[in-house]
Amino acid sequence: MKYEGVVYRPPSEARSLIVQVTIGCAHNTCTFCNMYKDKQFRVRKMEEIMADLQEAHDAYAAYVQKVFLADGDALIMKTEDLLTILAAVKELFPRVTRVAAYGTAQDILRKSEEELRLLKEAGLGIVYVGAETGDDEILEYIHKGVTAGEVIAAGQKLKRCGIATSVTLISGLGGRKKVKEHALSCAKLITEMNPEYASFLTLRLYEGTPMYEDVVEGRFERITADEIMDEMKIFLENVDSPGTVFRTNHASNYVVLAGTLNEDIPEMMRTLEDAKQSRHYRRFRETGDLL
């Protein structure tokens, strides 16, 4: 297997075979993100991808049960190429139960429902969507290149086509000026998408990113752990997405929440309140983070 640069994958894909079908991220302008800044985006040649799949088959085909298509937005590939890759996965790894990929709202909306249904039938089981927020002003500020309405439309489109969606949001992304607006917009986004999975990370900032400079120069004020609890409380009080598996168990999160919306909201609210009263927060340290 040949990998270029640092390879990222969702926590739930920890035991997956990771195959780079693209290098980097086609968008790559989000002001908080440093994940793909060292890569020039490109779609890999099909012969390279097939060689990687064959090498993985020869080494450990019997052990592969899940496959994750990296890097940042594999769905930007032509549908016919993705179908070829999915067919090869099915042939080479008979024990695979699910293939997953990151996908931007733009990628999803560019594909027809017929294309998405073909991908579903070929084995694409879940798409991870980094929504970050449902607030259009914040989306514009972070240069996400998409509106909340487009993110919602993309999620609804995947649902109609039978592909599961995992939506990621970021606590604290609105800063001190937009705690309530960010929380309410995230609740509205998840309510309208009703994804199979939803999660929050906590905002981390890294030296060299535009948002880092905004904090250093006083244009953006980060919120405290207590304020993150308040923000999460507003979200849980307003979200209505029955059946969505909800988590805040990333290394960046101050408090771990785990449950299913809407039934476990009262218990998660109690967890938040207990953590805030006792100030029993998880701490995290990472090179480059402002905290």
Foldseek 3Di string as FASTA:
>chain_A
DDDDDDADDDPVCPQAAEFEQKQADPQPQFQFDDPRVVDDIDGDDLVVRLVVLVVCLVPPLARHAEYEYDDAAPLQDDLVSLLVSLQSCCVSRVNHQAYEYEHELVSQVVDDLVSLLSNVVSHHAEYEYEPQFQDQVLCVVRVVVDHSVSVLVSLQSNVVSNHAYEYEYEQQSQAPVCLLVRLQSRLVSCQSNLGQEYEYAYRWHFPPGNVVVCVVVVNGHGDDLLSSLVSPLSNLVRHARFNHWYWHPDLRFFFTDTDTPPVCSVVRNVSSVVCNVVVRTDDDDDPRTPD
